[in-house]
Amino acid sequence: MVLDYKTMNTVKRITLIYLLLLMANGHCQSYSYKVKYGMVQAGTAKLVHNLEKGVLTSFLSIQSSPWLSNLWTLSDSIRSIYLVESGELKSHIKAIHEGTYHRNYLVNFVDSNMVSINGKEHELNTQGIKDIPSLLFDLSRTHFQHGDTLRYRLWDGRGFGVLNLAVEKAIGPSLFKPFSAAGWKLSPLNSTKKSRENQIQLAMMYSESYPHEPLRIEIGTKYGNVIMRLVKR
């Protein structure tokens, strides 16, 4: 189901208000990124986390720069609510605008066996499901070990796929890699049929320090990869 334009505009207004409220809260963590889309320096991104009494509210947005928007628009956003202690994803709102491709998903995780997508309920085992913002938050508080494999059920708008991440300790600059950074590199091992259908691709670089900062995030989209590089916390 694709939402009509009136509903889409309402979602955009709610998202803006939601972001402003998060930024006004003193418990926020906010990260700003430069965005590269394919080979092009495309725009900016923002990741905001707010944790209050065990409830995590998050917002992730990616926007193309004005010059690129004149030719082709990139405007994706996700906002979600996640219960940290129990690991339950409660809501996920995703708006996609990539060129002429437009999709909006309003998702509520009703209980452990039911999900509502744009008002239509589906039976689904929702236990352990995360979306990209809640996953990024959980990873920032994970104690990594070199050689580990991390496995997640990752929601992406209308469904989920299995994401397997290999953990690698990056030691920083060397003779052969003079521009590499120290930290933790999380790379997808492989993809399943379901993840390919939902086009879920995610790779990350986190800081050595704990809690880890998301230094670099690579997200696969319908038309190509978005690479986000941290410029300001």
C-alpha atoms as a PDB file:
ATOM      1  CA  MET A   1       0.000   0.000   0.000  1.00  0.00           C
ATOM      2  CA  VAL A   2       1.305   3.443  -0.968  1.00  0.00           C
ATOM      3  CA  LEU A   3       0.038   6.434   0.990  1.00  0.00           C
ATOM      4  CA  ASP A   4      -1.764   9.286  -0.758  1.00  0.00           C
ATOM      5  CA  TYR A   5      -0.164  12.729  -1.025  1.00  0.00           C
ATOM      6  CA  LYS A   6      -2.183  14.205   1.839  1.00  0.00           C
ATOM      7  CA  THR A   7      -0.996  11.466   4.176  1.00  0.00           C
ATOM      8  CA  MET A   8       2.560  11.805   2.863  1.00  0.00           C
ATOM      9  CA  ASN A   9       2.579  15.532   3.655  1.00  0.00           C
ATOM     10  CA  THR A  10       1.212  14.822   7.128  1.00  0.00           C
ATOM     11  CA  VAL A  11       4.003  12.312   7.716  1.00  0.00           C
ATOM     12  CA  LYS A  12       6.585  14.918   6.660  1.00  0.00           C
ATOM     13  CA  ARG A  13       5.148  17.522   9.066  1.00  0.00           C
ATOM     14  CA  ILE A  14       5.035  15.033  11.941  1.00  0.00           C
ATOM     15  CA  THR A  15       8.618  13.998  11.191  1.00  0.00           C
ATOM     16  CA  LEU A  16       9.824  17.629  11.324  1.00  0.00           C
ATOM     17  CA  ILE A  17       8.051  18.245  14.639  1.00  0.00           C
ATOM     18  CA  TYR A  18       9.429  14.957  15.960  1.00  0.00           C
ATOM     19  CA  LEU A  19      13.003  15.939  15.088  1.00  0.00           C
ATOM     20  CA  LEU A  20      12.656  19.385  16.677  1.00  0.00           C
ATOM     21  CA  LEU A  21      11.336  17.835  19.887  1.00  0.00           C
ATOM     22  CA  LEU A  22      14.242  15.399  19.993  1.00  0.00           C
ATOM     23  CA  MET A  23      16.776  18.156  19.471  1.00  0.00           C
ATOM     24  CA  ALA A  24      15.223  20.207  22.276  1.00  0.00           C
ATOM     25  CA  ASN A  25      15.580  17.337  24.749  1.00  0.00           C
ATOM     26  CA  GLY A  26      18.730  17.398  26.860  1.00  0.00           C
ATOM     27  CA  HIS A  27      19.190  13.596  26.629  1.00  0.00           C
ATOM     28  CA  CYS A  28      19.804  13.570  22.876  1.00  0.00           C
ATOM     29  CA  GLN A  29      22.769  12.212  20.987  1.00  0.00           C
ATOM     30  CA  SER A  30      23.055  13.854  17.590  1.00  0.00           C
ATOM     31  CA  TYR A  31      25.423  13.004  14.733  1.00  0.00           C
ATOM     32  CA  SER A  32      25.883  14.916  11.483  1.00  0.00           C
ATOM     33  CA  TYR A  33      27.267  13.322   8.322  1.00  0.00           C
ATOM     34  CA  LYS A  34      28.412  14.183   4.835  1.00  0.00           C
ATOM     35  CA  VAL A  35      26.790  11.918   2.270  1.00  0.00           C
ATOM     36  CA  LYS A  36      28.278  10.345  -0.817  1.00  0.00           C
ATOM     37  CA  TYR A  37      25.875   8.700  -3.251  1.00  0.00           C
ATOM     38  CA  GLY A  38      27.754   6.424  -5.594  1.00  0.00           C
ATOM     39  CA  MET A  39      30.683   8.580  -6.771  1.00  0.00           C
ATOM     40  CA  VAL A  40      28.933  11.899  -6.071  1.00  0.00           C
ATOM     41  CA  GLN A  41      29.160  14.098  -2.961  1.00  0.00           C
ATOM     42  CA  ALA A  42      25.426  14.233  -2.568  1.00  0.00           C
ATOM     43  CA  GLY A  43      24.370  16.009   0.616  1.00  0.00           C
ATOM     44  CA  THR A  44      24.010  15.561   4.362  1.00  0.00           C
ATOM     45  CA  ALA A  45      22.543  13.178   6.907  1.00  0.00           C
ATOM     46  CA  LYS A  46      21.566  13.339  10.550  1.00  0.00           C
ATOM     47  CA  LEU A  47      21.167  10.633  13.184  1.00  0.00           C
ATOM     48  CA  VAL A  48      19.448  11.519  16.462  1.00  0.00           C
ATOM     49  CA  HIS A  49      18.912   9.243  19.467  1.00  0.00           C
ATOM     50  CA  ASN A  50      16.919  10.139  22.565  1.00  0.00           C
ATOM     51  CA  LEU A  51      16.808   7.689  25.480  1.00  0.00           C
ATOM     52  CA  GLU A  52      14.258   8.416  28.194  1.00  0.00           C
ATOM     53  CA  LYS A  53      13.298   5.854  30.861  1.00  0.00           C
ATOM     54  CA  GLY A  54      14.358   2.947  28.679  1.00  0.00           C
ATOM     55  CA  VAL A  55      12.452   4.169  25.610  1.00  0.00           C
ATOM     56  CA  LEU A  56      14.644   5.040  22.631  1.00  0.00           C
ATOM     57  CA  THR A  57      13.256   7.415  20.033  1.00  0.00           C
ATOM     58  CA  SER A  58      15.444   7.766  16.963  1.00  0.00           C
ATOM     59  CA  PHE A  59      15.498   9.720  13.729  1.00  0.00           C
ATOM     60  CA  LEU A  60      17.681   9.152  10.675  1.00  0.00           C
ATOM     61  CA  SER A  61      17.448  11.425   7.643  1.00  0.00           C
ATOM     62  CA  ILE A  62      19.400  11.711   4.393  1.00  0.00           C
ATOM     63  CA  GLN A  63      18.991  14.774   2.174  1.00  0.00           C
ATOM     64  CA  SER A  64      20.551  15.639  -1.180  1.00  0.00           C
ATOM     65  CA  SER A  65      22.292  18.994  -1.544  1.00  0.00           C
ATOM     66  CA  PRO A  66      20.420  21.832  -3.327  1.00  0.00           C
ATOM     67  CA  TRP A  67      22.470  21.546  -6.513  1.00  0.00           C
ATOM     68  CA  LEU A  68      21.757  17.808  -6.798  1.00  0.00           C
ATOM     69  CA  SER A  69      18.074  18.242  -5.949  1.00  0.00           C
ATOM     70  CA  ASN A  70      17.695  20.327  -9.105  1.00  0.00           C
ATOM     71  CA  LEU A  71      18.644  17.233 -11.096  1.00  0.00           C
ATOM     72  CA  TRP A  72      17.670  14.307  -8.898  1.00  0.00           C
ATOM     73  CA  THR A  73      16.296  14.250  -5.354  1.00  0.00           C
ATOM     74  CA  LEU A  74      17.376  12.034  -2.490  1.00  0.00           C
ATOM     75  CA  SER A  75      15.254  12.411   0.651  1.00  0.00           C
ATOM     76  CA  ASP A  76      14.979   9.349   2.887  1.00  0.00           C
ATOM     77  CA  SER A  77      14.045   9.250   6.567  1.00  0.00           C
ATOM     78  CA  ILE A  78      13.280   6.756   9.317  1.00  0.00           C
ATOM     79  CA  ARG A  79      11.920   7.450  12.764  1.00  0.00           C
ATOM     80  CA  SER A  80      11.281   4.728  15.292  1.00  0.00           C
ATOM     81  CA  ILE A  81      10.493   3.848  18.885  1.00  0.00           C
ATOM     82  CA  TYR A  82      12.415   1.008  20.545  1.00  0.00           C
ATOM     83  CA  LEU A  83      12.365  -0.446  24.067  1.00  0.00           C
ATOM     84  CA  VAL A  84      16.020  -0.893  24.983  1.00  0.00           C
ATOM     85  CA  GLU A  85      15.733  -3.323  27.913  1.00  0.00           C
ATOM     86  CA  SER A  86      13.395  -5.798  26.202  1.00  0.00           C
ATOM     87  CA  GLY A  87      14.763  -5.218  22.699  1.00  0.00           C
ATOM     88  CA  GLU A  88      11.292  -4.551  21.252  1.00  0.00           C
ATOM     89  CA  LEU A  89      10.779  -2.363  18.202  1.00  0.00           C
ATOM     90  CA  LYS A  90       7.408  -0.622  18.695  1.00  0.00           C
ATOM     91  CA  SER A  91       7.041   1.654  15.656  1.00  0.00           C
ATOM     92  CA  HIS A  92       8.831   2.421  12.399  1.00  0.00           C
ATOM     93  CA  ILE A  93       7.957   5.211   9.963  1.00  0.00           C
ATOM     94  CA  LYS A  94       9.929   5.291   6.732  1.00  0.00           C
ATOM     95  CA  ALA A  95       9.680   7.832   3.914  1.00  0.00           C
ATOM     96  CA  ILE A  96      11.602   7.205   0.685  1.00  0.00           C
ATOM     97  CA  HIS A  97      12.124   9.757  -2.069  1.00  0.00           C
ATOM     98  CA  GLU A  98      14.817   8.746  -4.550  1.00  0.00           C
ATOM     99  CA  GLY A  99      14.307  10.417  -7.919  1.00  0.00           C
ATOM    100  CA  THR A 100      10.850   9.370  -9.123  1.00  0.00           C
ATOM    101  CA  TYR A 101      10.632   6.515  -6.607  1.00  0.00           C
ATOM    102  CA  HIS A 102       8.350   7.352  -3.663  1.00  0.00           C
ATOM    103  CA  ARG A 103       7.247   5.056  -0.844  1.00  0.00           C
ATOM    104  CA  ASN A 104       5.974   5.616   2.699  1.00  0.00           C
ATOM    105  CA  TYR A 105       5.539   2.997   5.397  1.00  0.00           C
ATOM    106  CA  LEU A 106       3.796   3.435   8.745  1.00  0.00           C
ATOM    107  CA  VAL A 107       4.542   0.338  10.800  1.00  0.00           C
ATOM    108  CA  ASN A 108       3.361  -0.593  14.284  1.00  0.00           C
ATOM    109  CA  PHE A 109       4.543  -3.757  15.998  1.00  0.00           C
ATOM    110  CA  VAL A 110       1.303  -4.722  17.701  1.00  0.00           C
ATOM    111  CA  ASP A 111       2.648  -7.659  19.720  1.00  0.00           C
ATOM    112  CA  SER A 112       5.138 -10.514  19.375  1.00  0.00           C
ATOM    113  CA  ASN A 113       3.086 -12.102  16.582  1.00  0.00           C
ATOM    114  CA  MET A 114       1.485  -9.193  14.731  1.00  0.00           C
ATOM    115  CA  VAL A 115       2.623  -6.174  12.726  1.00  0.00           C
ATOM    116  CA  SER A 116       0.531  -3.427  11.131  1.00  0.00           C
ATOM    117  CA  ILE A 117       1.884  -1.987   7.854  1.00  0.00           C
ATOM    118  CA  ASN A 118       0.024   1.070   6.530  1.00  0.00           C
ATOM    119  CA  GLY A 119      -3.053   0.005   8.478  1.00  0.00           C
ATOM    120  CA  LYS A 120      -3.064  -3.635   7.359  1.00  0.00           C
ATOM    121  CA  GLU A 121      -2.227  -6.303   9.919  1.00  0.00           C
ATOM    122  CA  HIS A 122       0.054  -9.265   9.184  1.00  0.00           C
ATOM    123  CA  GLU A 123       1.035 -12.255  11.291  1.00  0.00           C
ATOM    124  CA  LEU A 124       4.767 -12.153  11.951  1.00  0.00           C
ATOM    125  CA  ASN A 125       7.193 -13.187  14.668  1.00  0.00           C
ATOM    126  CA  THR A 126       8.435  -9.729  15.635  1.00  0.00           C
ATOM    127  CA  GLN A 127      10.784 -10.813  18.437  1.00  0.00           C
ATOM    128  CA  GLY A 128      14.319  -9.506  18.034  1.00  0.00           C
ATOM    129  CA  ILE A 129      13.527  -7.321  15.021  1.00  0.00           C
ATOM    130  CA  LYS A 130      15.379  -4.009  14.798  1.00  0.00           C
ATOM    131  CA  ASP A 131      15.401  -1.243  12.222  1.00  0.00           C
ATOM    132  CA  ILE A 132      18.479   0.715  11.157  1.00  0.00           C
ATOM    133  CA  PRO A 133      18.279   3.460  13.870  1.00  0.00           C
ATOM    134  CA  SER A 134      17.724   1.008  16.743  1.00  0.00           C
ATOM    135  CA  LEU A 135      20.455  -1.279  15.394  1.00  0.00           C
ATOM    136  CA  LEU A 136      22.916   1.615  15.199  1.00  0.00           C
ATOM    137  CA  PHE A 137      22.132   2.462  18.825  1.00  0.00           C
ATOM    138  CA  ASP A 138      22.551  -1.133  20.034  1.00  0.00           C
ATOM    139  CA  LEU A 139      25.848  -1.509  18.187  1.00  0.00           C
ATOM    140  CA  SER A 140      27.209   1.626  19.855  1.00  0.00           C
ATOM    141  CA  ARG A 141      26.795  -0.215  23.179  1.00  0.00           C
ATOM    142  CA  THR A 142      28.110  -3.591  22.053  1.00  0.00           C
ATOM    143  CA  HIS A 143      31.493  -4.854  23.282  1.00  0.00           C
ATOM    144  CA  PHE A 144      33.052  -6.070  20.039  1.00  0.00           C
ATOM    145  CA  GLN A 145      35.509  -8.920  19.671  1.00  0.00           C
ATOM    146  CA  HIS A 146      37.660  -9.314  16.564  1.00  0.00           C
ATOM    147  CA  GLY A 147      36.420 -12.257  14.497  1.00  0.00           C
ATOM    148  CA  ASP A 148      32.896 -12.292  15.937  1.00  0.00           C
ATOM    149  CA  THR A 149      29.836 -12.708  13.734  1.00  0.00           C
ATOM    150  CA  LEU A 150      26.733 -10.697  14.668  1.00  0.00           C
ATOM    151  CA  ARG A 151      23.321 -11.729  13.387  1.00  0.00           C
ATOM    152  CA  TYR A 152      20.214  -9.528  13.259  1.00  0.00           C
ATOM    153  CA  ARG A 153      16.683  -9.509  11.899  1.00  0.00           C
ATOM    154  CA  LEU A 154      16.544  -6.082  10.277  1.00  0.00           C
ATOM    155  CA  TRP A 155      13.289  -4.360   9.355  1.00  0.00           C
ATOM    156  CA  ASP A 156      13.232  -2.221   6.232  1.00  0.00           C
ATOM    157  CA  GLY A 157       9.835  -0.640   5.665  1.00  0.00           C
ATOM    158  CA  ARG A 158       7.592  -3.506   4.617  1.00  0.00           C
ATOM    159  CA  GLY A 159       9.537  -6.583   5.746  1.00  0.00           C
ATOM    160  CA  PHE A 160      12.720  -7.900   7.265  1.00  0.00           C
ATOM    161  CA  GLY A 161      15.853  -9.713   6.194  1.00  0.00           C
ATOM    162  CA  VAL A 162      18.686 -11.415   8.028  1.00  0.00           C
ATOM    163  CA  LEU A 163      21.833  -9.323   8.381  1.00  0.00           C
ATOM    164  CA  ASN A 164      25.101 -11.097   9.250  1.00  0.00           C
ATOM    165  CA  LEU A 165      27.976  -8.802  10.206  1.00  0.00           C
ATOM    166  CA  ALA A 166      31.633  -9.772  10.514  1.00  0.00           C
ATOM    167  CA  VAL A 167      33.519  -7.847  13.239  1.00  0.00           C
ATOM    168  CA  GLU A 168      37.044  -6.724  12.372  1.00  0.00           C
ATOM    169  CA  LYS A 169      39.420  -4.588  14.455  1.00  0.00           C
ATOM    170  CA  ALA A 170      40.848  -1.810  12.271  1.00  0.00           C
ATOM    171  CA  ILE A 171      44.271  -0.799  13.592  1.00  0.00           C
ATOM    172  CA  GLY A 172      44.489   2.568  11.846  1.00  0.00           C
ATOM    173  CA  PRO A 173      47.017   4.055   9.396  1.00  0.00           C
ATOM    174  CA  SER A 174      49.753   1.834   8.003  1.00  0.00           C
ATOM    175  CA  LEU A 175      52.272   1.897   5.154  1.00  0.00           C
ATOM    176  CA  PHE A 176      49.799   0.325   2.750  1.00  0.00           C
ATOM    177  CA  LYS A 177      46.674   2.017   4.151  1.00  0.00           C
ATOM    178  CA  PRO A 178      47.805   5.536   5.126  1.00  0.00           C
ATOM    179  CA  PHE A 179      44.256   6.957   5.354  1.00  0.00           C
ATOM    180  CA  SER A 180      42.590   4.152   7.293  1.00  0.00           C
ATOM    181  CA  ALA A 181      41.110   4.891  10.723  1.00  0.00           C
ATOM    182  CA  ALA A 182      41.313   2.892  13.935  1.00  0.00           C
ATOM    183  CA  GLY A 183      38.063   1.394  15.147  1.00  0.00           C
ATOM    184  CA  TRP A 184      35.667  -1.475  14.532  1.00  0.00           C
ATOM    185  CA  LYS A 185      34.675  -2.451  11.007  1.00  0.00           C
ATOM    186  CA  LEU A 186      31.338  -4.276  10.635  1.00  0.00           C
ATOM    187  CA  SER A 187      30.886  -5.839   7.207  1.00  0.00           C
ATOM    188  CA  PRO A 188      27.971  -7.900   5.831  1.00  0.00           C
ATOM    189  CA  LEU A 189      29.021 -11.534   5.312  1.00  0.00           C
ATOM    190  CA  ASN A 190      26.388 -12.497   2.788  1.00  0.00           C
ATOM    191  CA  SER A 191      22.762 -11.903   1.913  1.00  0.00           C
ATOM    192  CA  THR A 192      19.695 -14.095   1.978  1.00  0.00           C
ATOM    193  CA  LYS A 193      16.920 -14.185  -0.594  1.00  0.00           C
ATOM    194  CA  LYS A 194      14.710 -12.202   1.781  1.00  0.00           C
ATOM    195  CA  SER A 195      17.318  -9.499   2.371  1.00  0.00           C
ATOM    196  CA  ARG A 196      17.910  -9.168  -1.365  1.00  0.00           C
ATOM    197  CA  GLU A 197      14.177  -8.843  -1.967  1.00  0.00           C
ATOM    198  CA  ASN A 198      14.017  -6.066   0.627  1.00  0.00           C
ATOM    199  CA  GLN A 199      17.341  -4.611  -0.576  1.00  0.00           C
ATOM    200  CA  ILE A 200      18.873  -4.567   2.907  1.00  0.00           C
ATOM    201  CA  GLN A 201      22.578  -3.756   2.838  1.00  0.00           C
ATOM    202  CA  LEU A 202      24.437  -2.190   5.739  1.00  0.00           C
ATOM    203  CA  ALA A 203      28.129  -1.760   6.600  1.00  0.00           C
ATOM    204  CA  MET A 204      29.640   0.371   9.370  1.00  0.00           C
ATOM    205  CA  MET A 205      32.753   1.689  11.039  1.00  0.00           C
ATOM    206  CA  TYR A 206      32.574   2.422  14.781  1.00  0.00           C
ATOM    207  CA  SER A 207      35.071   4.215  16.998  1.00  0.00           C
ATOM    208  CA  GLU A 208      37.381   2.338  19.382  1.00  0.00           C
ATOM    209  CA  SER A 209      36.042   4.315  22.332  1.00  0.00           C
ATOM    210  CA  TYR A 210      33.038   3.052  24.302  1.00  0.00           C
ATOM    211  CA  PRO A 211      30.204   3.757  23.831  1.00  0.00           C
ATOM    212  CA  HIS A 212      31.200   3.600  20.185  1.00  0.00           C
ATOM    213  CA  GLU A 213      30.468   6.434  17.775  1.00  0.00           C
ATOM    214  CA  PRO A 214      29.177   5.550  14.285  1.00  0.00           C
ATOM    215  CA  LEU A 215      31.980   7.017  12.165  1.00  0.00           C
ATOM    216  CA  ARG A 216      30.882   5.697   8.787  1.00  0.00           C
ATOM    217  CA  ILE A 217      27.636   4.095   7.650  1.00  0.00           C
ATOM    218  CA  GLU A 218      26.967   2.561   4.263  1.00  0.00           C
ATOM    219  CA  ILE A 219      23.317   1.853   3.416  1.00  0.00           C
ATOM    220  CA  GLY A 220      22.144   0.088   0.287  1.00  0.00           C
ATOM    221  CA  THR A 221      19.146   1.739  -1.384  1.00  0.00           C
ATOM    222  CA  LYS A 222      16.984   0.826  -4.354  1.00  0.00           C
ATOM    223  CA  TYR A 223      19.212   2.737  -6.777  1.00  0.00           C
ATOM    224  CA  GLY A 224      22.655   2.569  -5.159  1.00  0.00           C
ATOM    225  CA  ASN A 225      24.722   2.913  -1.999  1.00  0.00           C
ATOM    226  CA  VAL A 226      24.670   5.885   0.341  1.00  0.00           C
ATOM    227  CA  ILE A 227      27.893   6.428   2.315  1.00  0.00           C
ATOM    228  CA  MET A 228      27.662   8.610   5.431  1.00  0.00           C
ATOM    229  CA  ARG A 229      30.866   9.961   7.011  1.00  0.00           C
ATOM    230  CA  LEU A 230      30.700  11.571  10.460  1.00  0.00           C
ATOM    231  CA  VAL A 231      31.671  15.238  10.526  1.00  0.00           C
ATOM    232  CA  LYS A 232      30.191  16.442  13.832  1.00  0.00           C
ATOM    233  CA  ARG A 233      28.772  15.000  17.008  1.00  0.00           C
END
